[in-house]
Amino acid sequence: MKTAHVPSWQTKRLKYLVTWQKGKQPAGLSDSPDNGERLPYLTMEFLRGEASASTLYARQERNAVVAEDDDIILLWDGANAGEFLVGKRGLVSSTSALLRPRSVQHRFLFYACRSAQTELQQTTVGMGVPHVSGHSLGQMLFSIPSPAEQRRIARYLDEATEKVDRLVTLRRRQMELLREQRTALIQEAVTRGLNPNALLKDSGISELGEIPTHWNCLRIAVAVSKVSNGYVGPTRDILQDEGVRYIQSLHVKDGFIIFDTPYYVSKEWSDNHPRSILKAGDVLIVQTGACTGQFALVPEEFEGTNCHALIIVRMKPVHGSGRYLSLLLSSSYGQTCLMRERTGALHPHLECGKVRDIRLPFPPPEEQNDILDFIQNENTRIDALHDAYTRQLELLTEYRAALVRECVTGQRAVP
């Protein structure tokens, strides 16, 4: 990190400012605090406050490293090695280290360390799992003002960064609301249509409820001309460096085919397996694995490709298009239908026969086109807002980092 040229500030290496101690792996972890006799185990996810993080607890052993609220924790090992986090009371994990300030105000030091974080991460070592170099950590240079100036800078940054963080939280919540709005718009459009005054009838399906009276609730088997599997068999002898593109489950992502990991088969092999050759407008559904139930619409550019172990669904034009079927499957109701038919917790699987029996609401094809146009326009509007919020988040993050850096290096006067 660049040091400041402020006459009253001193330049010191981190090894003279702090001591550090790696955490320990406790003997046993539990999901219960056991009436307060166990302390939280400070994983990266827990320290970041991630919603998906589960809290684990362990007893405080003799050699345990215990952190307190607002202590400085350094991620020592792993993909995020070199990141500094605010500590909480608990047991420091074996992949982290606790930094204890010796001659510097701890909150000022935290901001200074965060400002130098990128520099430290560039010095991590290890071919497989990156880890912090203790030598590089100790050699880091910091500009240190007087204790009173440290406290003033820390107070200012606490207030200023809190304001930025509130804006970041607001923008992220607005992005979540946009996702919820998109989901609600699709659900309403494919189950009630665009006419709020349309007469309704009972669909006969409890999860679906009422649908417009002129719509048909059809089994997929009735609405399509094809429901079949892609090629199922070993691939080690059929794959080659070029030829006909070969779509697999890893290419099916959020309604699209993303061919970022290319696989190919020969044209001769593909011609000998016509049942799995794709047409534009087909809908592919992942049949096996963690992503079972994911789907994608086959665009024009993938006409004539072949596929492996995917369910291929081809609509009858009289009942609508694959594009509309894809929209149906993306709705809350469509996802519920697919997830309900999955079997196997450890190895999820979706049978063609189960997919055939799923019942979906289909308006007349011309009305499907109106719904598709409406959703496309709404998606364009939502995407534009989402992109604007994303850019604002980037600018806020850049501003926050620059503010901290300028304050802890003396480049910005602090009131």
Protein backbone atom coordinates (compact mmCIF):
# COMPACT_ATOMS: atom_id res chain seq x y z
CA MET A 1 0.00 0.00 0.00
CA LYS A 2 1.27 3.48 -0.82
CA THR A 3 2.36 5.29 2.31
CA ALA A 4 1.54 8.93 2.91
CA HIS A 5 4.05 11.77 3.00
CA VAL A 6 2.56 13.44 6.07
CA PRO A 7 5.40 14.76 8.26
CA SER A 8 3.70 13.89 11.55
CA TRP A 9 2.86 10.31 10.47
CA GLN A 10 5.23 7.39 10.93
CA THR A 11 5.77 4.55 8.44
CA LYS A 12 5.86 1.14 10.11
CA ARG A 13 5.74 -2.47 9.03
CA LEU A 14 2.79 -4.53 10.19
CA LYS A 15 4.97 -6.94 12.17
CA TYR A 16 5.75 -4.07 14.58
CA LEU A 17 2.09 -3.12 14.93
CA VAL A 18 0.38 -6.47 15.60
CA THR A 19 0.83 -10.07 16.57
CA TRP A 20 -1.18 -12.79 14.89
CA GLN A 21 -2.22 -16.31 15.77
CA LYS A 22 -3.75 -18.99 13.55
CA GLY A 23 -6.99 -20.53 14.69
CA LYS A 24 -7.46 -24.17 15.68
CA GLN A 25 -9.78 -26.92 14.49
CA PRO A 26 -11.94 -27.87 17.52
CA ALA A 27 -12.39 -31.48 18.51
CA GLY A 28 -16.12 -31.47 17.90
CA LEU A 29 -18.64 -29.17 16.23
CA SER A 30 -22.35 -29.01 17.01
CA ASP A 31 -25.33 -27.01 15.79
CA SER A 32 -26.34 -26.35 19.41
CA PRO A 33 -24.80 -23.72 21.77
CA ASP A 34 -25.49 -26.11 24.67
CA ASN A 35 -26.82 -23.42 27.04
CA GLY A 36 -23.95 -21.08 26.29
CA GLU A 37 -21.20 -23.58 27.08
CA ARG A 38 -20.16 -23.65 23.42
CA LEU A 39 -18.90 -20.70 21.36
CA PRO A 40 -19.65 -20.02 17.69
CA TYR A 41 -17.06 -21.36 15.25
CA LEU A 42 -16.09 -18.36 13.14
CA THR A 43 -16.32 -19.53 9.56
CA MET A 44 -15.99 -17.05 6.71
CA GLU A 45 -19.72 -17.32 5.93
CA PHE A 46 -20.65 -16.69 9.57
CA LEU A 47 -18.41 -13.60 9.81
CA ARG A 48 -19.86 -12.20 6.59
CA GLY A 49 -23.38 -12.68 7.93
CA GLU A 50 -24.48 -14.69 4.91
CA ALA A 51 -28.09 -15.79 5.16
CA SER A 52 -27.23 -19.35 4.10
CA ALA A 53 -24.54 -19.74 6.78
CA SER A 54 -25.36 -22.24 9.50
CA THR A 55 -23.91 -21.49 12.94
CA LEU A 56 -21.67 -24.21 14.37
CA TYR A 57 -20.53 -24.32 17.98
CA ALA A 58 -17.65 -25.92 19.88
CA ARG A 59 -16.31 -25.99 23.42
CA GLN A 60 -13.43 -23.69 24.28
CA GLU A 61 -10.41 -25.95 24.59
CA ARG A 62 -7.12 -25.01 26.23
CA ASN A 63 -5.37 -24.10 22.96
CA ALA A 64 -8.38 -22.43 21.33
CA VAL A 65 -7.99 -18.96 19.81
CA VAL A 66 -10.93 -16.84 20.99
CA ALA A 67 -11.95 -13.62 19.24
CA GLU A 68 -14.12 -10.85 20.64
CA ASP A 69 -16.57 -8.54 18.88
CA ASP A 70 -14.79 -6.13 16.49
CA ASP A 71 -11.49 -8.03 16.56
CA ILE A 72 -9.64 -8.29 13.25
CA ILE A 73 -9.82 -11.68 11.55
CA LEU A 74 -7.64 -12.53 8.55
CA LEU A 75 -8.66 -15.35 6.21
CA TRP A 76 -5.39 -17.26 6.00
CA ASP A 77 -6.16 -20.22 3.73
CA GLY A 78 -8.46 -20.82 0.77
CA ALA A 79 -9.74 -18.97 -2.26
CA ASN A 80 -10.32 -15.78 -0.20
CA ALA A 81 -6.95 -15.86 1.58
CA GLY A 82 -5.84 -12.34 2.46
CA GLU A 83 -9.30 -10.92 3.21
CA PHE A 84 -9.77 -9.03 6.49
CA LEU A 85 -13.10 -9.38 8.34
CA VAL A 86 -14.64 -7.90 11.47
CA GLY A 87 -14.57 -10.50 14.22
CA LYS A 88 -17.31 -11.70 16.53
CA ARG A 89 -17.02 -13.45 19.86
CA GLY A 90 -16.18 -17.04 19.05
CA LEU A 91 -13.52 -19.57 18.12
CA VAL A 92 -11.20 -18.56 15.29
CA SER A 93 -11.28 -21.20 12.58
CA SER A 94 -8.24 -23.20 11.50
CA THR A 95 -8.21 -21.35 8.15
CA SER A 96 -8.10 -17.89 9.76
CA ALA A 97 -5.88 -15.86 12.05
CA LEU A 98 -6.61 -13.38 14.83
CA LEU A 99 -4.69 -10.09 14.65
CA ARG A 100 -3.97 -8.39 17.98
CA PRO A 101 -2.85 -4.72 17.75
CA ARG A 102 0.09 -3.76 19.94
CA SER A 103 0.68 -0.06 19.39
CA VAL A 104 -2.18 1.09 17.18
CA GLN A 105 -5.91 1.72 17.61
CA HIS A 106 -7.63 -1.46 16.43
CA ARG A 107 -10.42 0.16 14.40
CA PHE A 108 -7.96 2.36 12.50
CA LEU A 109 -5.82 -0.70 11.88
CA PHE A 110 -8.79 -2.60 10.48
CA TYR A 111 -9.45 0.11 7.90
CA ALA A 112 -5.75 0.28 7.04
CA CYS A 113 -5.61 -3.50 6.56
CA ARG A 114 -8.73 -3.51 4.39
CA SER A 115 -7.15 -0.80 2.25
CA ALA A 116 -4.06 -2.97 1.76
CA GLN A 117 -6.04 -6.18 1.24
CA THR A 118 -5.57 -6.43 -2.53
CA GLU A 119 -1.82 -6.03 -2.14
CA LEU A 120 -1.71 -8.88 0.39
CA GLN A 121 -3.88 -11.16 -1.74
CA GLN A 122 -1.44 -10.75 -4.62
CA THR A 123 1.31 -12.28 -2.46
CA THR A 124 -0.54 -15.44 -1.38
CA VAL A 125 1.34 -18.67 -1.99
CA GLY A 126 0.44 -22.30 -2.68
CA MET A 127 -0.25 -24.19 -5.89
CA GLY A 128 -3.50 -25.84 -4.81
CA VAL A 129 -4.98 -23.95 -1.86
CA PRO A 130 -3.70 -20.36 -1.59
CA HIS A 131 -2.55 -19.16 1.82
CA VAL A 132 -1.16 -15.97 3.28
CA SER A 133 2.60 -15.61 3.45
CA GLY A 134 3.51 -14.65 7.01
CA HIS A 135 6.62 -12.88 5.73
CA SER A 136 4.64 -10.78 3.23
CA LEU A 137 2.07 -9.96 5.90
CA GLY A 138 4.71 -8.76 8.34
CA GLN A 139 6.51 -6.65 5.73
CA MET A 140 3.43 -4.61 4.76
CA LEU A 141 4.00 -0.88 5.24
CA PHE A 142 1.46 1.39 6.94
CA SER A 143 1.35 5.11 7.66
CA ILE A 144 0.48 5.66 11.31
CA PRO A 145 -0.69 9.02 12.71
CA SER A 146 -0.95 9.96 16.37
CA PRO A 147 -3.38 7.99 18.57
CA ALA A 148 -5.81 10.92 18.60
CA GLU A 149 -5.70 11.15 14.80
CA GLN A 150 -6.23 7.38 14.53
CA ARG A 151 -9.38 7.62 16.64
CA ARG A 152 -10.68 10.59 14.65
CA ILE A 153 -10.11 8.81 11.33
CA ALA A 154 -11.73 5.62 12.62
CA ARG A 155 -14.82 7.53 13.86
CA TYR A 156 -15.15 9.36 10.56
CA LEU A 157 -14.84 6.15 8.53
CA ASP A 158 -17.33 4.35 10.77
CA GLU A 159 -19.92 7.05 10.04
CA ALA A 160 -19.07 7.51 6.34
CA THR A 161 -18.91 3.81 5.47
CA GLU A 162 -22.13 3.14 7.37
CA LYS A 163 -23.91 5.61 5.07
CA VAL A 164 -22.43 3.88 2.01
CA ASP A 165 -23.36 0.46 3.39
CA ARG A 166 -26.96 1.61 3.92
CA LEU A 167 -27.13 2.64 0.26
CA VAL A 168 -25.62 -0.70 -0.78
CA THR A 169 -28.19 -2.57 1.31
CA LEU A 170 -30.99 -0.49 -0.21
CA ARG A 171 -29.84 -1.17 -3.78
CA ARG A 172 -29.49 -4.90 -3.11
CA ARG A 173 -32.98 -5.00 -1.66
CA GLN A 174 -34.28 -3.17 -4.73
CA MET A 175 -32.59 -5.80 -6.92
CA GLU A 176 -34.28 -8.54 -4.89
CA LEU A 177 -37.62 -6.79 -5.38
CA LEU A 178 -37.00 -6.68 -9.13
CA ARG A 179 -36.43 -10.44 -9.14
CA GLU A 180 -39.62 -10.93 -7.13
CA GLN A 181 -41.50 -8.62 -9.51
CA ARG A 182 -40.29 -10.59 -12.53
CA THR A 183 -41.40 -13.86 -10.93
CA ALA A 184 -44.81 -12.44 -10.03
CA LEU A 185 -45.35 -10.98 -13.51
CA ILE A 186 -44.59 -14.30 -15.19
CA GLN A 187 -46.77 -16.25 -12.77
CA GLU A 188 -49.71 -13.91 -13.24
CA ALA A 189 -49.35 -13.83 -17.05
CA VAL A 190 -49.18 -17.60 -17.58
CA THR A 191 -51.96 -18.46 -15.12
CA ARG A 192 -54.41 -15.54 -15.55
CA GLY A 193 -53.44 -13.93 -18.85
CA LEU A 194 -53.25 -10.21 -19.57
CA ASN A 195 -56.95 -9.37 -19.30
CA PRO A 196 -57.82 -8.64 -15.65
CA ASN A 197 -61.53 -8.88 -16.50
CA ALA A 198 -61.35 -12.32 -18.12
CA LEU A 199 -63.91 -14.87 -16.93
CA LEU A 200 -62.30 -17.64 -14.90
CA LYS A 201 -62.93 -21.33 -14.32
CA ASP A 202 -61.55 -23.88 -11.91
CA SER A 203 -58.50 -25.58 -13.42
CA GLY A 204 -59.03 -28.68 -11.29
CA ILE A 205 -55.49 -28.33 -9.91
CA SER A 206 -55.15 -26.98 -6.38
CA GLU A 207 -51.72 -25.38 -6.95
CA LEU A 208 -52.96 -23.64 -10.09
CA GLY A 209 -56.40 -22.44 -9.04
CA GLU A 210 -58.56 -20.64 -11.58
CA ILE A 211 -57.62 -19.96 -15.21
CA PRO A 212 -59.44 -18.05 -18.00
CA THR A 213 -62.46 -19.96 -19.29
CA HIS A 214 -61.13 -20.18 -22.86
CA TRP A 215 -57.81 -21.72 -21.81
CA ASN A 216 -57.07 -25.46 -21.79
CA CYS A 217 -55.30 -27.28 -19.01
CA LEU A 218 -53.42 -30.04 -20.82
CA ARG A 219 -51.04 -32.82 -19.97
CA ILE A 220 -47.67 -32.17 -21.60
CA ALA A 221 -48.12 -35.46 -23.47
CA VAL A 222 -51.16 -34.00 -25.21
CA ALA A 223 -49.63 -30.61 -26.02
CA VAL A 224 -46.39 -31.89 -27.55
CA SER A 225 -45.31 -34.08 -30.44
CA LYS A 226 -42.23 -35.39 -28.70
CA VAL A 227 -41.02 -36.16 -25.18
CA SER A 228 -37.90 -38.27 -25.34
CA ASN A 229 -34.42 -38.70 -23.90
CA GLY A 230 -31.16 -37.54 -25.36
CA TYR A 231 -28.51 -40.18 -25.91
CA VAL A 232 -27.85 -42.17 -22.73
CA GLY A 233 -24.60 -44.07 -22.70
CA PRO A 234 -20.83 -43.73 -22.23
CA THR A 235 -19.29 -40.74 -24.00
CA ARG A 236 -15.55 -41.43 -23.68
CA ASP A 237 -15.39 -43.05 -27.14
CA ILE A 238 -17.65 -40.63 -29.01
CA LEU A 239 -16.35 -37.18 -28.05
CA GLN A 240 -13.89 -35.40 -30.31
CA ASP A 241 -12.27 -31.97 -30.73
CA GLU A 242 -14.67 -30.70 -33.40
CA GLY A 243 -17.82 -31.68 -35.27
CA VAL A 244 -21.47 -31.51 -34.20
CA ARG A 245 -22.03 -29.70 -30.92
CA TYR A 246 -23.08 -32.07 -28.14
CA ILE A 247 -25.27 -30.47 -25.46
CA GLN A 248 -25.07 -31.78 -21.90
CA SER A 249 -26.66 -30.79 -18.59
CA LEU A 250 -23.80 -28.41 -17.74
CA HIS A 251 -24.80 -26.30 -20.75
CA VAL A 252 -28.39 -25.78 -19.53
CA LYS A 253 -28.53 -22.66 -17.36
CA ASP A 254 -31.47 -20.43 -16.42
CA GLY A 255 -33.48 -21.04 -19.57
CA PHE A 256 -30.56 -20.81 -22.00
CA ILE A 257 -27.93 -23.02 -23.60
CA ILE A 258 -24.51 -21.71 -22.54
CA PHE A 259 -21.95 -23.60 -24.61
CA ASP A 260 -18.91 -22.34 -22.69
CA THR A 261 -17.45 -25.83 -22.20
CA PRO A 262 -17.53 -27.28 -25.74
CA TYR A 263 -18.19 -30.94 -26.49
CA TYR A 264 -18.45 -32.41 -29.98
CA VAL A 265 -19.36 -35.66 -31.72
CA SER A 266 -18.82 -36.66 -35.34
CA LYS A 267 -21.55 -35.95 -37.90
CA GLU A 268 -21.67 -39.66 -38.65
CA TRP A 269 -22.37 -40.51 -35.02
CA SER A 270 -25.01 -37.78 -34.79
CA ASP A 271 -26.74 -38.96 -37.97
CA ASN A 272 -26.88 -42.47 -36.50
CA HIS A 273 -28.70 -41.10 -33.43
CA PRO A 274 -31.50 -38.99 -34.93
CA ARG A 275 -33.79 -39.22 -31.86
CA SER A 276 -31.50 -36.90 -29.94
CA ILE A 277 -30.95 -34.35 -32.73
CA LEU A 278 -32.40 -31.00 -31.70
CA LYS A 279 -34.62 -28.53 -33.53
CA ALA A 280 -34.99 -24.83 -32.87
CA GLY A 281 -37.87 -24.36 -30.43
CA ASP A 282 -37.28 -27.62 -28.56
CA VAL A 283 -37.19 -27.36 -24.77
CA LEU A 284 -34.46 -29.28 -22.94
CA ILE A 285 -34.93 -30.37 -19.32
CA VAL A 286 -32.06 -31.62 -17.18
CA GLN A 287 -32.92 -35.17 -16.17
CA THR A 288 -30.26 -36.17 -13.66
CA GLY A 289 -27.95 -34.54 -11.12
CA ALA A 290 -27.91 -31.46 -8.92
CA CYS A 291 -29.48 -29.30 -11.65
CA THR A 292 -32.37 -31.69 -12.34
CA GLY A 293 -35.37 -29.65 -13.51
CA GLN A 294 -33.33 -26.86 -15.07
CA PHE A 295 -34.45 -26.19 -18.63
CA ALA A 296 -33.44 -24.30 -21.78
CA LEU A 297 -35.05 -23.27 -25.05
CA VAL A 298 -33.10 -24.40 -28.13
CA PRO A 299 -32.41 -21.30 -30.29
CA GLU A 300 -31.90 -21.26 -34.08
CA GLU A 301 -28.12 -21.38 -33.74
CA PHE A 302 -28.33 -24.82 -32.08
CA GLU A 303 -30.58 -26.36 -34.73
CA GLY A 304 -29.14 -29.77 -35.66
CA THR A 305 -27.03 -30.26 -32.54
CA ASN A 306 -27.20 -33.48 -30.54
CA CYS A 307 -27.57 -33.97 -26.81
CA HIS A 308 -26.79 -36.28 -23.92
CA ALA A 309 -29.13 -37.46 -21.13
CA LEU A 310 -31.56 -34.55 -21.42
CA ILE A 311 -35.33 -34.68 -21.80
CA ILE A 312 -36.34 -33.24 -25.19
CA VAL A 313 -39.81 -31.68 -25.43
CA ARG A 314 -41.22 -30.52 -28.80
CA MET A 315 -44.52 -28.62 -28.91
CA LYS A 316 -47.36 -29.21 -31.37
CA PRO A 317 -47.87 -25.87 -33.18
CA VAL A 318 -51.63 -26.15 -32.69
CA HIS A 319 -51.07 -25.86 -28.92
CA GLY A 320 -48.31 -23.25 -28.99
CA SER A 321 -44.56 -22.82 -29.12
CA GLY A 322 -41.52 -24.05 -27.28
CA ARG A 323 -40.84 -20.43 -26.37
CA TYR A 324 -44.13 -20.30 -24.47
CA LEU A 325 -43.54 -23.69 -22.87
CA SER A 326 -40.18 -22.39 -21.66
CA LEU A 327 -41.94 -19.39 -20.12
CA LEU A 328 -44.46 -21.71 -18.45
CA LEU A 329 -41.70 -23.83 -16.95
CA SER A 330 -39.97 -20.71 -15.61
CA SER A 331 -43.08 -19.69 -13.65
CA SER A 332 -43.55 -20.53 -9.99
CA TYR A 333 -46.20 -23.07 -10.95
CA GLY A 334 -43.99 -24.67 -13.63
CA GLN A 335 -41.06 -24.97 -11.25
CA THR A 336 -43.32 -26.48 -8.59
CA CYS A 337 -44.48 -29.12 -11.07
CA LEU A 338 -40.93 -30.07 -12.07
CA MET A 339 -39.59 -30.13 -8.51
CA ARG A 340 -42.53 -32.24 -7.33
CA GLU A 341 -41.71 -34.97 -9.84
CA ARG A 342 -38.03 -35.21 -8.94
CA THR A 343 -36.98 -38.39 -7.17
CA GLY A 344 -33.88 -39.13 -5.12
CA ALA A 345 -32.36 -36.76 -2.58
CA LEU A 346 -28.69 -37.62 -3.12
CA HIS A 347 -29.00 -38.32 -6.85
CA PRO A 348 -32.02 -36.37 -8.18
CA HIS A 349 -33.70 -37.77 -11.27
CA LEU A 350 -36.64 -36.82 -13.48
CA GLU A 351 -38.42 -39.46 -15.56
CA CYS A 352 -39.84 -38.76 -19.02
CA GLY A 353 -43.10 -40.39 -17.99
CA LYS A 354 -43.50 -38.01 -15.06
CA VAL A 355 -42.86 -35.02 -17.30
CA ARG A 356 -45.50 -36.26 -19.75
CA ASP A 357 -48.13 -36.23 -16.99
CA ILE A 358 -47.50 -32.64 -15.85
CA ARG A 359 -50.59 -30.50 -16.53
CA LEU A 360 -50.06 -26.92 -17.70
CA PRO A 361 -52.44 -24.09 -18.66
CA PHE A 362 -52.34 -23.19 -22.37
CA PRO A 363 -54.08 -20.17 -23.90
CA PRO A 364 -54.68 -20.09 -27.68
CA PRO A 365 -51.40 -19.65 -29.64
CA GLU A 366 -52.17 -16.04 -30.63
CA GLU A 367 -52.71 -15.13 -26.98
CA GLN A 368 -49.45 -16.90 -26.10
CA ASN A 369 -47.67 -14.52 -28.47
CA ASP A 370 -49.23 -11.51 -26.72
CA ILE A 371 -48.10 -12.84 -23.36
CA LEU A 372 -44.59 -13.49 -24.67
CA ASP A 373 -44.37 -9.94 -26.07
CA PHE A 374 -45.59 -8.50 -22.77
CA ILE A 375 -43.07 -10.47 -20.72
CA GLN A 376 -40.25 -9.56 -23.11
CA ASN A 377 -41.05 -5.85 -22.74
CA GLU A 378 -41.25 -6.16 -18.96
CA ASN A 379 -37.97 -8.09 -18.88
CA THR A 380 -36.31 -5.34 -20.90
CA ARG A 381 -37.50 -2.75 -18.40
CA ILE A 382 -36.48 -4.83 -15.39
CA ASP A 383 -33.10 -5.69 -16.90
CA ALA A 384 -32.38 -1.99 -17.51
CA LEU A 385 -33.15 -1.18 -13.87
CA HIS A 386 -31.11 -4.15 -12.69
CA ASP A 387 -28.13 -3.05 -14.78
CA ALA A 388 -28.42 0.49 -13.41
CA TYR A 389 -28.49 -0.78 -9.81
CA THR A 390 -25.54 -3.09 -10.53
CA ARG A 391 -23.51 -0.16 -11.83
CA GLN A 392 -24.46 1.92 -8.79
CA LEU A 393 -23.26 -0.90 -6.53
CA GLU A 394 -19.95 -0.98 -8.39
CA LEU A 395 -19.53 2.79 -8.01
CA LEU A 396 -20.45 2.67 -4.31
CA THR A 397 -17.92 -0.12 -3.73
CA GLU A 398 -15.22 1.83 -5.56
CA TYR A 399 -16.06 5.02 -3.65
CA ARG A 400 -15.96 3.20 -0.29
CA ALA A 401 -12.56 1.66 -1.03
CA ALA A 402 -11.13 4.98 -2.25
CA LEU A 403 -12.50 6.81 0.80
CA VAL A 404 -10.88 4.35 3.22
CA ARG A 405 -7.59 4.36 1.33
CA GLU A 406 -7.35 8.15 1.22
CA CYS A 407 -8.17 8.52 4.91
CA VAL A 408 -5.75 5.92 6.27
CA THR A 409 -2.90 7.19 4.10
CA GLY A 410 -3.38 10.86 4.92
CA GLN A 411 -4.45 11.84 1.40
CA ARG A 412 -7.85 13.10 2.64
CA ALA A 413 -8.28 15.54 5.50
CA VAL A 414 -10.65 14.19 8.14
CA PRO A 415 -12.85 16.69 9.99
